[in-house]
């Protein structure tokens, strides 16, 4: 990582931590997961609940933090100012997305540790990273495509609710809907997390689909910059 890129990455991390609203978004999944998992722990629910709250941390932090900054910087022209630095547009986006990804991973890991402890964390990290990347990418696209902060916040909220809600309830939906919904990255993440938690290892097809999502979204972000 070049020095200007590292400097911008650190600056973005500091900006996130200086903003009380973004700090709340980082810790909200941790608080909610702890409270709700504790309340329902005696009801006989399986590990699906834990994987769902890890997903919640991914979509909450990734989608709700990344985009507002991009849209606000586009509106105030500070993003354009960054383009006259030695950094390329892709490097600027990578630094901004990378800072949010670090926050996403922190939130996810704390959700897991307060529920399961640290000993089984390592096998989960791959899908925490995959999920974190995908939902940061989704919000980057929204941040680059949407014209105003107000519209961006509304669209982001819709995506967050859809990704989280569908992954929470899809097992109760009719079986004929499974092929439709299982292509969503949120469901692929939950399926892999559940498989690991149940001692069954990773799911090859779902893992490849997650990689495909990352590639497709990366290309979309790159093409958006060429428009």
Protein backbone atom coordinates (compact mmCIF):
# COMPACT_ATOMS: atom_id res chain seq x y z
CA UNK A 1 0.00 0.00 0.00
CA UNK A 2 1.48 3.35 -1.08
CA UNK A 3 1.98 6.07 1.50
CA UNK A 4 -0.73 8.43 0.12
CA UNK A 5 -3.20 5.53 0.04
CA UNK A 6 -2.31 4.51 3.61
CA UNK A 7 -2.62 8.13 4.74
CA UNK A 8 -6.09 8.45 3.23
CA UNK A 9 -7.12 5.10 4.75
CA UNK A 10 -6.08 6.29 8.22
CA UNK A 11 -7.86 9.59 7.67
CA UNK A 12 -11.08 7.76 6.73
CA UNK A 13 -10.83 5.54 9.82
CA UNK A 14 -10.42 8.60 12.05
CA UNK A 15 -13.37 10.33 10.40
CA UNK A 16 -15.58 7.32 11.06
CA UNK A 17 -14.58 7.13 14.72
CA UNK A 18 -15.02 10.88 15.23
CA UNK A 19 -18.63 10.76 14.09
CA UNK A 20 -20.98 9.63 16.89
CA UNK A 21 -23.59 8.48 14.35
CA UNK A 22 -21.21 6.06 12.62
CA UNK A 23 -19.87 4.79 15.95
CA UNK A 24 -23.46 4.00 16.96
CA UNK A 25 -23.94 2.08 13.70
CA UNK A 26 -20.82 0.01 14.43
CA UNK A 27 -21.91 -0.89 17.96
CA UNK A 28 -25.66 -1.24 17.33
CA UNK A 29 -25.41 -4.79 15.89
CA UNK A 30 -23.27 -5.81 18.87
CA UNK A 31 -25.78 -4.47 21.38
CA UNK A 32 -28.82 -5.89 19.57
CA UNK A 33 -27.21 -9.29 19.06
CA UNK A 34 -26.22 -9.57 22.71
CA UNK A 35 -29.66 -8.59 24.00
CA UNK A 36 -31.76 -10.67 21.60
CA UNK A 37 -29.56 -13.78 21.62
CA UNK A 38 -29.55 -13.71 25.43
CA UNK A 39 -33.33 -13.37 25.56
CA UNK A 40 -34.07 -16.22 23.15
CA UNK A 41 -31.20 -18.50 24.11
CA UNK A 42 -33.47 -20.69 26.22
CA UNK A 43 -36.05 -21.10 23.48
CA UNK A 44 -34.19 -23.87 21.66
CA UNK A 45 -33.20 -21.86 18.59
CA UNK A 46 -30.15 -23.10 16.71
CA UNK A 47 -27.11 -21.24 15.39
CA UNK A 48 -29.19 -19.59 12.68
CA UNK A 49 -29.69 -16.69 15.03
CA UNK A 50 -25.97 -16.07 15.42
CA UNK A 51 -25.29 -16.18 11.68
CA UNK A 52 -28.17 -13.79 11.09
CA UNK A 53 -26.76 -11.24 13.52
CA UNK A 54 -23.33 -11.51 11.93
CA UNK A 55 -25.09 -10.74 8.65
CA UNK A 56 -26.86 -7.82 10.33
CA UNK A 57 -23.48 -6.37 11.31
CA UNK A 58 -22.33 -6.73 7.70
CA UNK A 59 -25.29 -4.96 6.14
CA UNK A 60 -25.67 -2.33 8.86
CA UNK A 61 -22.06 -1.19 8.86
CA UNK A 62 -21.26 -1.84 5.20
CA UNK A 63 -24.35 -0.31 3.65
CA UNK A 64 -25.22 2.47 6.10
CA UNK A 65 -21.73 3.95 6.59
CA UNK A 66 -20.02 3.76 3.20
CA UNK A 67 -22.46 5.54 0.94
CA UNK A 68 -23.41 8.72 2.83
CA UNK A 69 -19.78 9.80 2.89
CA UNK A 70 -19.40 9.29 -0.84
CA UNK A 71 -22.59 11.15 -1.72
CA UNK A 72 -21.80 14.04 0.63
CA UNK A 73 -18.29 14.32 -0.79
CA UNK A 74 -19.66 14.33 -4.33
CA UNK A 75 -22.18 17.03 -3.38
CA UNK A 76 -19.54 19.18 -1.66
CA UNK A 77 -16.95 18.52 -4.41
CA UNK A 78 -14.39 17.22 -1.89
CA UNK A 79 -14.24 13.94 -3.82
CA UNK A 80 -13.19 15.90 -6.91
CA UNK A 81 -10.51 17.60 -4.83
CA UNK A 82 -9.06 14.21 -3.93
CA UNK A 83 -8.71 13.40 -7.61
CA UNK A 84 -5.97 16.02 -7.99
CA UNK A 85 -3.82 14.14 -5.44
CA UNK A 86 -1.43 11.37 -6.55
CA UNK A 87 -4.19 8.85 -5.84
CA UNK A 88 -6.36 7.45 -8.60
CA UNK A 89 -10.15 7.30 -8.34
CA UNK A 90 -10.01 3.55 -7.68
CA UNK A 91 -7.46 4.02 -4.90
CA UNK A 92 -9.62 6.68 -3.25
CA UNK A 93 -12.65 4.38 -3.31
CA UNK A 94 -10.53 1.48 -2.04
CA UNK A 95 -9.28 3.54 0.92
CA UNK A 96 -12.78 4.68 1.82
CA UNK A 97 -14.25 1.20 1.43
CA UNK A 98 -11.34 -0.39 3.28
CA UNK A 99 -11.89 1.81 6.33
CA UNK A 100 -15.54 0.75 6.50
CA UNK A 101 -14.57 -2.89 5.97
CA UNK A 102 -12.32 -2.75 9.04
CA UNK A 103 -15.25 -1.40 11.08
CA UNK A 104 -17.52 -4.10 9.66
CA UNK A 105 -15.10 -6.86 10.63
CA UNK A 106 -14.74 -5.41 14.12
CA UNK A 107 -18.52 -5.37 14.62
CA UNK A 108 -18.92 -8.92 13.24
CA UNK A 109 -16.13 -10.38 15.34
CA UNK A 110 -17.44 -8.83 18.54
CA UNK A 111 -20.92 -10.20 17.79
CA UNK A 112 -19.38 -13.65 17.43
CA UNK A 113 -17.03 -13.44 20.43
CA UNK A 114 -19.68 -12.29 22.91
CA UNK A 115 -21.85 -15.21 21.81
CA UNK A 116 -19.44 -18.08 21.14
CA UNK A 117 -16.07 -17.02 22.46
CA UNK A 118 -12.85 -16.60 20.52
CA UNK A 119 -11.84 -20.23 19.98
CA UNK A 120 -14.05 -20.85 16.93
CA UNK A 121 -13.63 -17.45 15.32
CA UNK A 122 -10.96 -18.29 12.72
CA UNK A 123 -13.10 -20.54 10.46
CA UNK A 124 -15.72 -17.78 10.29
CA UNK A 125 -13.37 -15.01 9.21
CA UNK A 126 -13.43 -15.83 5.49
CA UNK A 127 -17.18 -15.28 5.26
CA UNK A 128 -17.02 -12.25 7.51
CA UNK A 129 -14.57 -10.76 5.02
CA UNK A 130 -16.61 -11.84 1.99
CA UNK A 131 -19.80 -10.39 3.43
CA UNK A 132 -18.10 -7.22 4.55
CA UNK A 133 -16.64 -6.64 1.08
CA UNK A 134 -19.91 -7.32 -0.74
CA UNK A 135 -22.05 -4.95 1.30
CA UNK A 136 -19.43 -2.21 1.23
CA UNK A 137 -19.38 -2.64 -2.55
CA UNK A 138 -23.18 -2.40 -2.72
CA UNK A 139 -23.11 0.88 -0.83
CA UNK A 140 -20.24 2.25 -2.92
CA UNK A 141 -22.35 1.68 -6.02
CA UNK A 142 -25.28 3.46 -4.39
CA UNK A 143 -22.96 6.28 -3.34
CA UNK A 144 -21.63 6.68 -6.87
CA UNK A 145 -24.95 6.38 -8.69
CA UNK A 146 -27.44 8.24 -6.49
CA UNK A 147 -27.56 12.02 -6.83
CA UNK A 148 -28.55 13.14 -3.32
CA UNK A 149 -27.90 12.14 0.29
CA UNK A 150 -31.61 11.90 1.02
CA UNK A 151 -32.26 9.47 -1.83
CA UNK A 152 -29.11 7.55 -1.02
CA UNK A 153 -30.15 7.02 2.60
CA UNK A 154 -33.60 5.82 1.56
CA UNK A 155 -32.27 3.39 -1.05
CA UNK A 156 -29.62 2.11 1.36
CA UNK A 157 -32.26 1.44 4.01
CA UNK A 158 -34.34 -0.55 1.53
CA UNK A 159 -31.36 -2.69 0.49
CA UNK A 160 -30.35 -3.25 4.12
CA UNK A 161 -33.84 -4.39 5.12
CA UNK A 162 -34.24 -6.66 2.07
CA UNK A 163 -30.87 -8.38 2.51
CA UNK A 164 -31.37 -8.91 6.23
CA UNK A 165 -35.07 -9.76 6.21
CA UNK A 166 -34.93 -12.27 3.36
CA UNK A 167 -32.00 -14.10 4.96
CA UNK A 168 -33.90 -14.21 8.26
CA UNK A 169 -37.16 -15.70 6.93
CA UNK A 170 -36.36 -17.49 3.67
CA UNK A 171 -36.38 -20.96 5.29
CA UNK A 172 -40.07 -20.41 6.08
CA UNK A 173 -40.91 -19.48 2.50
CA UNK A 174 -42.30 -21.97 -0.06
CA UNK A 175 -39.64 -24.28 -1.48
CA UNK A 176 -40.22 -23.07 -5.04
CA UNK A 177 -38.86 -19.67 -4.00
CA UNK A 178 -35.49 -21.06 -2.88
CA UNK A 179 -33.80 -20.87 -6.33
CA UNK A 180 -34.86 -17.22 -6.53
CA UNK A 181 -33.63 -16.12 -3.14
CA UNK A 182 -30.55 -18.31 -2.72
CA UNK A 183 -28.65 -16.25 -5.29
CA UNK A 184 -28.72 -13.32 -2.86
CA UNK A 185 -25.34 -12.87 -1.16
CA UNK A 186 -26.95 -12.50 2.26
CA UNK A 187 -28.42 -16.00 2.07
CA UNK A 188 -25.18 -17.49 0.76
CA UNK A 189 -23.32 -15.95 3.70
CA UNK A 190 -25.82 -17.23 6.25
CA UNK A 191 -25.77 -20.72 4.71
CA UNK A 192 -21.99 -20.89 4.90
CA UNK A 193 -21.87 -19.54 8.44
CA UNK A 194 -24.49 -22.06 9.55
CA UNK A 195 -22.61 -24.89 7.85
CA UNK A 196 -19.39 -23.98 9.67
CA UNK A 197 -21.17 -23.54 13.00
CA UNK A 198 -22.76 -26.97 12.58
CA UNK A 199 -19.35 -28.55 11.88
CA UNK A 200 -20.09 -29.28 8.21
CA UNK A 201 -17.45 -27.03 6.67
CA UNK A 202 -17.80 -24.56 3.83
CA UNK A 203 -20.29 -24.92 0.98
CA UNK A 204 -18.50 -24.91 -2.37
CA UNK A 205 -21.27 -23.60 -4.62
CA UNK A 206 -22.33 -20.86 -2.22
CA UNK A 207 -18.69 -19.85 -1.71
CA UNK A 208 -18.11 -19.58 -5.45
CA UNK A 209 -21.27 -17.50 -5.80
CA UNK A 210 -19.96 -15.09 -3.17
CA UNK A 211 -16.70 -14.73 -5.10
CA UNK A 212 -18.74 -14.12 -8.25
CA UNK A 213 -20.67 -11.37 -6.45
CA UNK A 214 -17.41 -9.70 -5.45
CA UNK A 215 -16.10 -9.83 -9.02
CA UNK A 216 -19.34 -8.56 -10.57
CA UNK A 217 -19.67 -5.70 -8.08
CA UNK A 218 -15.99 -4.78 -8.56
CA UNK A 219 -16.49 -4.56 -12.32
CA UNK A 220 -19.66 -2.50 -11.80
CA UNK A 221 -17.79 -0.03 -9.58
CA UNK A 222 -14.98 0.21 -12.14
CA UNK A 223 -17.41 0.79 -15.01
CA UNK A 224 -19.30 3.39 -13.00
CA UNK A 225 -16.12 5.42 -12.80
CA UNK A 226 -15.74 5.31 -16.56
CA UNK A 227 -19.18 6.77 -17.22
